[in-house]
Protein backbone atom coordinates (compact mmCIF):
# COMPACT_ATOMS: atom_id res chain seq x y z
CA MET A 1 17.82 -3.14 -5.44
CA SER A 2 16.45 -3.06 -1.91
CA SER A 3 17.15 -0.16 0.44
CA ARG A 4 19.13 -0.48 3.67
CA ILE A 5 15.89 0.05 5.61
CA GLU A 6 14.35 -3.00 3.90
CA GLN A 7 17.52 -4.99 4.66
CA ILE A 8 17.37 -4.01 8.35
CA ILE A 9 13.68 -4.98 8.53
CA GLU A 10 14.55 -8.34 6.92
CA GLU A 11 17.37 -8.80 9.47
CA ILE A 12 14.93 -8.13 12.33
CA GLU A 13 12.45 -10.62 10.85
CA GLU A 14 15.19 -13.23 10.35
CA TYR A 15 16.47 -12.63 13.88
CA ILE A 16 12.98 -13.15 15.31
CA ASP A 17 12.27 -16.23 13.15
CA ARG A 18 15.70 -17.89 13.34
CA ASP A 19 17.54 -16.80 16.50
CA CYS A 20 14.78 -16.20 19.07
CA LYS A 21 13.59 -19.15 21.15
CA PHE A 22 10.00 -19.63 22.28
CA GLN A 23 9.23 -18.85 25.89
CA PRO A 24 8.69 -22.04 27.93
CA LEU A 25 5.16 -23.42 27.52
CA SER A 26 4.31 -20.90 24.79
CA THR A 27 4.03 -21.11 21.01
CA THR A 28 3.54 -17.38 20.46
CA LYS A 29 5.85 -15.61 22.91
CA ILE A 30 9.59 -15.46 22.25
CA ILE A 31 12.70 -14.43 24.16
CA VAL A 32 14.77 -11.76 22.41
CA ASN A 33 18.23 -10.35 22.98
CA LYS A 34 17.32 -6.79 23.88
CA GLU A 35 20.73 -5.33 22.95
CA HIS A 36 20.74 -6.94 19.50
CA LEU A 37 17.19 -5.79 18.73
CA GLU A 38 17.91 -2.28 20.02
CA GLU A 39 21.04 -2.14 17.82
CA LEU A 40 18.96 -3.04 14.72
CA LEU A 41 16.27 -0.51 15.64
CA ARG A 42 18.93 2.17 16.23
CA GLU A 43 20.37 1.56 12.76
CA LEU A 44 16.85 1.65 11.32
CA ARG A 45 16.26 5.06 12.91
CA LEU A 46 19.58 6.35 11.54
CA LYS A 47 18.88 5.12 7.99
CA THR A 48 15.29 6.38 7.78
CA PRO A 49 16.26 10.07 7.21
CA ASP A 50 18.64 9.04 4.37
CA GLU A 51 15.84 7.15 2.61
CA ILE A 52 13.48 10.09 3.02
CA LYS A 53 16.12 12.45 1.55
CA ARG A 54 16.50 10.12 -1.41
CA TYR A 55 12.79 10.28 -2.12
CA GLN A 56 12.77 14.03 -1.64
CA LYS A 57 15.37 14.23 -4.43
CA ILE A 58 13.05 12.18 -6.65
CA ILE A 59 10.25 14.60 -5.87
CA ALA A 60 12.59 17.54 -6.56
CA ASN A 61 13.23 16.07 -10.03
CA ARG A 62 9.59 16.80 -10.72
CA ASP A 63 10.44 20.51 -10.75
CA ALA A 64 13.25 19.86 -13.23
CA ILE A 65 10.86 17.91 -15.48
CA LEU A 66 8.34 20.75 -15.35
CA ALA A 67 11.04 23.37 -16.03
CA ASP A 68 12.27 21.35 -19.02
CA ALA A 69 8.72 21.06 -20.35
CA GLN A 70 8.21 24.81 -19.89
CA ALA A 71 11.48 25.55 -21.71
CA LYS A 72 10.42 23.34 -24.63
CA ALA A 73 7.03 25.03 -24.73
CA ASP A 74 8.62 28.49 -24.67
CA ALA A 75 11.01 27.49 -27.48
CA MET A 76 8.12 26.22 -29.60
CA ILE A 77 6.13 29.41 -29.01
CA GLU A 78 9.17 31.53 -29.85
CA GLU A 79 9.72 29.54 -33.04
CA ALA A 80 6.07 30.01 -33.93
CA GLN A 81 6.40 33.75 -33.35
CA VAL A 82 9.49 33.89 -35.58
CA GLN A 83 7.63 32.07 -38.32
CA THR A 84 4.69 34.42 -37.85
CA THR A 85 6.93 37.46 -38.21
CA GLU A 86 8.48 36.05 -41.40
CA LEU A 87 5.05 35.28 -42.86
CA VAL A 88 3.57 38.72 -42.20
CA SER A 89 6.58 40.56 -43.66
CA GLU A 90 5.08 40.24 -47.11
CA HIS A 91 1.91 42.27 -47.60
CA GLU A 92 0.12 40.14 -50.25
CA ILE A 93 0.16 36.98 -48.08
CA MET A 94 -0.56 38.73 -44.79
CA GLN A 95 -3.97 37.11 -44.21
CA GLN A 96 -2.59 33.67 -44.95
CA ALA A 97 0.34 34.39 -42.63
CA TYR A 98 -1.99 35.33 -39.79
CA ALA A 99 -3.95 32.12 -40.25
CA GLN A 100 -0.82 29.98 -40.40
CA ALA A 101 0.69 31.80 -37.46
CA ASN A 102 -2.41 31.28 -35.35
CA GLU A 103 -2.47 27.62 -36.31
CA ILE A 104 1.22 27.19 -35.39
CA VAL A 105 0.75 29.02 -32.09
CA THR A 106 -2.31 26.89 -31.33
CA GLN A 107 -0.43 23.68 -32.14
CA ALA A 108 2.62 24.81 -30.15
CA THR A 109 0.44 25.75 -27.18
CA ALA A 110 -1.39 22.42 -27.34
CA GLN A 111 1.89 20.47 -27.56
CA ALA A 112 3.39 22.53 -24.72
CA GLN A 113 0.33 21.90 -22.56
CA GLU A 114 0.52 18.17 -23.34
CA ILE A 115 4.20 18.09 -22.35
CA ILE A 116 3.46 19.96 -19.12
CA ASP A 117 0.49 17.69 -18.34
CA ASN A 118 2.57 14.55 -18.95
CA ALA A 119 5.48 15.91 -16.89
CA THR A 120 3.11 16.84 -14.04
CA SER A 121 1.47 13.40 -14.16
CA ASP A 122 4.86 11.63 -14.13
CA ALA A 123 6.15 13.81 -11.29
CA ASN A 124 3.00 13.19 -9.23
CA ALA A 125 3.27 9.44 -9.82
CA ILE A 126 6.91 9.49 -8.67
CA ARG A 127 6.00 11.56 -5.61
CA ILE A 128 3.07 9.30 -4.66
CA GLY A 129 5.24 6.21 -5.16
CA ALA A 130 8.00 7.65 -2.97
CA ILE A 131 5.56 8.62 -0.24
CA GLN A 132 3.86 5.20 -0.36
CA TYR A 133 7.21 3.40 -0.21
CA THR A 134 8.33 5.50 2.77
CA ASP A 135 4.97 4.88 4.48
CA ASP A 136 5.32 1.11 3.88
CA LEU A 137 8.80 1.12 5.42
CA MET A 138 7.60 3.07 8.44
CA ALA A 139 4.54 0.79 8.79
CA ASN A 140 6.86 -2.26 8.87
CA ALA A 141 9.06 -0.59 11.49
CA GLU A 142 5.99 0.43 13.51
CA SER A 143 4.66 -3.14 13.40
CA ILE A 144 7.98 -4.64 14.56
CA ILE A 145 8.40 -2.11 17.36
CA GLY A 146 4.77 -2.56 18.46
CA HIS A 147 5.15 -6.35 18.47
CA THR A 148 8.35 -6.04 20.53
CA LEU A 149 6.66 -3.69 23.01
CA ASP A 150 3.67 -6.03 23.33
CA SER A 151 5.99 -8.98 23.88
CA TYR A 152 7.98 -7.20 26.61
CA THR A 153 4.82 -5.88 28.28
CA THR A 154 3.32 -9.38 28.37
CA LYS A 155 6.54 -10.84 29.80
CA TYR A 156 6.86 -8.23 32.53
CA ASP A 157 3.13 -8.43 33.39
CA GLY A 158 3.51 -12.23 33.66
CA LEU A 159 6.56 -11.86 35.94
CA ILE A 160 4.78 -9.40 38.25
CA SER A 161 1.69 -11.63 38.37
CA SER A 162 3.84 -14.66 39.18
CA LEU A 163 5.73 -12.80 41.96
CA GLN A 164 2.40 -11.55 43.39
CA GLU A 165 1.09 -15.14 43.51
CA CYS A 166 4.29 -16.33 45.26
CA TYR A 167 4.03 -13.47 47.74
CA GLU A 168 0.39 -14.28 48.52
CA THR A 169 1.21 -18.00 48.89
CA VAL A 170 4.11 -17.33 51.33
CA ARG A 171 1.97 -14.92 53.31
CA ALA A 172 -0.92 -17.39 53.51
CA ASN A 173 1.46 -20.22 54.56
CA ARG A 174 2.93 -18.05 57.32
CA ALA A 175 -0.54 -17.23 58.55
CA GLU A 176 -1.39 -20.94 58.68
CA LEU A 177 1.66 -21.68 60.82
CA ASP A 178 0.12 -19.60 63.65
CA ILE A 179 3.41 -19.51 65.64
CA PRO A 180 2.78 -18.72 69.35
CA THR A 181 4.65 -15.88 71.01
CA GLU A 182 7.38 -16.56 73.63
CA GLU A 183 4.98 -15.92 76.51
CA GLU A 184 2.33 -18.21 74.99
CA SER A 185 4.78 -21.07 74.50
CA GLY A 186 6.35 -20.74 77.96
CA ILE A 187 9.75 -20.00 76.49
CA TYR A 188 11.73 -17.48 78.50
CA ASN A 189 15.20 -16.14 78.47
CA SER A 190 17.49 -18.18 80.73
CA GLN A 191 19.55 -15.08 81.48
CA ASP A 192 16.51 -13.54 83.18
CA ASP A 193 16.76 -16.24 85.89
CA LEU A 194 20.31 -15.17 86.69
CA PHE A 195 19.24 -11.75 87.91
């Protein structure tokens, strides 16, 4: 089952692939609806903390696994100690009891250590998986946001460049007109003659 973050990322990808039109005379630049994309990114930001909390719970389960393993190990050691006490209660088999007790304690300790090692390994694998998954989601979001920023920057740079060219062209055309002043052209104000 995919997370809401993955669904939002898929929606952004579908929106870009399906709904966005290419910019005129371009096969790589697209025109996006800024409000729609910002709405998807806003929802992505809101959902990201929930996903992280979910994976933190998975990591927290590691402690429960370790506690359970420790409890089992303690129970096995306690059982071994009970058996040891029962064995040493009779004097004639005391040496045998010590040997058996040590063997049971050794086996219990080895089994407890194996349980703890397995639990630690499983918990670390879960934690690494959760961190990797979260990093993958954030990398996807980073890539989409970066692509969007690059696209907008390119568009606005192109607009400014185009306006600058138009400005320079108009300015150059005006300079070429070389319009004479009123005095140079002999034009005067007819009202001046009245006074």
